[in-house]
Amino acid sequence: MWTRFGVVCLTRIAELPHGDLLVAWLQGSRKRWADDMRIMGARLKYRISEDYDRQ
């Protein structure tokens, strides 16, 4: 997928044992010989919403 940051590919999502979500992806210019490829990541911490109990 092309973005303003170059190409983003090989996205992976994993749920950690305590409920957090971990995402990792490759980002760079897409050229096979490029030296600008980076492994990026983000984490979303698990929390229970107060709205969930009201349903």
C-alpha atoms as a PDB file:
ATOM      1  CA  MET A   1       0.000   0.000   0.000  1.00  0.00           C
ATOM      2  CA  TRP A   2       1.425   3.384  -0.996  1.00  0.00           C
ATOM      3  CA  THR A   3       1.287   6.109   1.641  1.00  0.00           C
ATOM      4  CA  ARG A   4       2.889   9.531   1.950  1.00  0.00           C
ATOM      5  CA  PHE A   5       5.660   7.712   3.836  1.00  0.00           C
ATOM      6  CA  GLY A   6       6.370   5.285   0.995  1.00  0.00           C
ATOM      7  CA  VAL A   7       5.224   1.665   0.977  1.00  0.00           C
ATOM      8  CA  VAL A   8       3.731  -0.157   3.950  1.00  0.00           C
ATOM      9  CA  CYS A   9       3.629  -3.956   3.702  1.00  0.00           C
ATOM     10  CA  LEU A  10       3.801  -7.243   5.612  1.00  0.00           C
ATOM     11  CA  THR A  11       1.418  -6.026   8.331  1.00  0.00           C
ATOM     12  CA  ARG A  12       0.951  -8.361  11.284  1.00  0.00           C
ATOM     13  CA  ILE A  13      -1.468  -8.072  14.215  1.00  0.00           C
ATOM     14  CA  ALA A  14      -1.161 -10.119  17.406  1.00  0.00           C
ATOM     15  CA  GLU A  15      -3.185 -10.219  20.602  1.00  0.00           C
ATOM     16  CA  LEU A  16      -0.949 -10.390  23.658  1.00  0.00           C
ATOM     17  CA  PRO A  17      -1.852 -12.613  26.652  1.00  0.00           C
ATOM     18  CA  HIS A  18      -3.248  -9.717  28.730  1.00  0.00           C
ATOM     19  CA  GLY A  19      -5.436  -8.392  25.862  1.00  0.00           C
ATOM     20  CA  ASP A  20      -3.209  -5.706  24.318  1.00  0.00           C
ATOM     21  CA  LEU A  21      -2.912  -5.598  20.515  1.00  0.00           C
ATOM     22  CA  LEU A  22       0.531  -5.430  18.883  1.00  0.00           C
ATOM     23  CA  VAL A  23       0.935  -4.402  15.218  1.00  0.00           C
ATOM     24  CA  ALA A  24       4.140  -4.566  13.152  1.00  0.00           C
ATOM     25  CA  TRP A  25       4.832  -3.598   9.531  1.00  0.00           C
ATOM     26  CA  LEU A  26       7.614  -2.787   7.066  1.00  0.00           C
ATOM     27  CA  GLN A  27       7.875   0.751   5.734  1.00  0.00           C
ATOM     28  CA  GLY A  28      10.131   2.134   3.013  1.00  0.00           C
ATOM     29  CA  SER A  29      10.528   3.052  -0.642  1.00  0.00           C
ATOM     30  CA  ARG A  30       9.750  -0.412  -2.065  1.00  0.00           C
ATOM     31  CA  LYS A  31      12.983  -0.755  -4.015  1.00  0.00           C
ATOM     32  CA  ARG A  32      14.676  -4.073  -3.400  1.00  0.00           C
ATOM     33  CA  TRP A  33      18.086  -2.471  -3.058  1.00  0.00           C
ATOM     34  CA  ALA A  34      16.847   0.453  -0.924  1.00  0.00           C
ATOM     35  CA  ASP A  35      18.416   1.020   2.470  1.00  0.00           C
ATOM     36  CA  ASP A  36      15.443   2.925   3.889  1.00  0.00           C
ATOM     37  CA  MET A  37      13.272  -0.049   4.936  1.00  0.00           C
ATOM     38  CA  ARG A  38      12.238   0.076   8.600  1.00  0.00           C
ATOM     39  CA  ILE A  39      10.350  -2.242  10.923  1.00  0.00           C
ATOM     40  CA  MET A  40       7.621  -0.171  12.564  1.00  0.00           C
ATOM     41  CA  GLY A  41       5.221  -1.078  15.340  1.00  0.00           C
ATOM     42  CA  ALA A  42       2.411   0.094  17.584  1.00  0.00           C
ATOM     43  CA  ARG A  43       0.647  -1.198  20.678  1.00  0.00           C
ATOM     44  CA  LEU A  44      -2.945  -0.644  21.807  1.00  0.00           C
ATOM     45  CA  LYS A  45      -3.397  -1.257  25.520  1.00  0.00           C
ATOM     46  CA  TYR A  46      -6.419  -3.280  26.616  1.00  0.00           C
ATOM     47  CA  ARG A  47      -9.011  -1.544  28.748  1.00  0.00           C
ATOM     48  CA  ILE A  48     -12.639  -2.271  29.532  1.00  0.00           C
ATOM     49  CA  SER A  49     -14.984   0.504  28.448  1.00  0.00           C
ATOM     50  CA  GLU A  50     -17.508   1.771  30.975  1.00  0.00           C
ATOM     51  CA  ASP A  51     -20.073   1.826  28.135  1.00  0.00           C
ATOM     52  CA  TYR A  52     -19.717  -1.946  27.751  1.00  0.00           C
ATOM     53  CA  ASP A  53     -21.374  -2.553  31.135  1.00  0.00           C
ATOM     54  CA  ARG A  54     -24.415  -0.442  30.178  1.00  0.00           C
ATOM     55  CA  GLN A  55     -25.506  -2.687  27.301  1.00  0.00           C
END
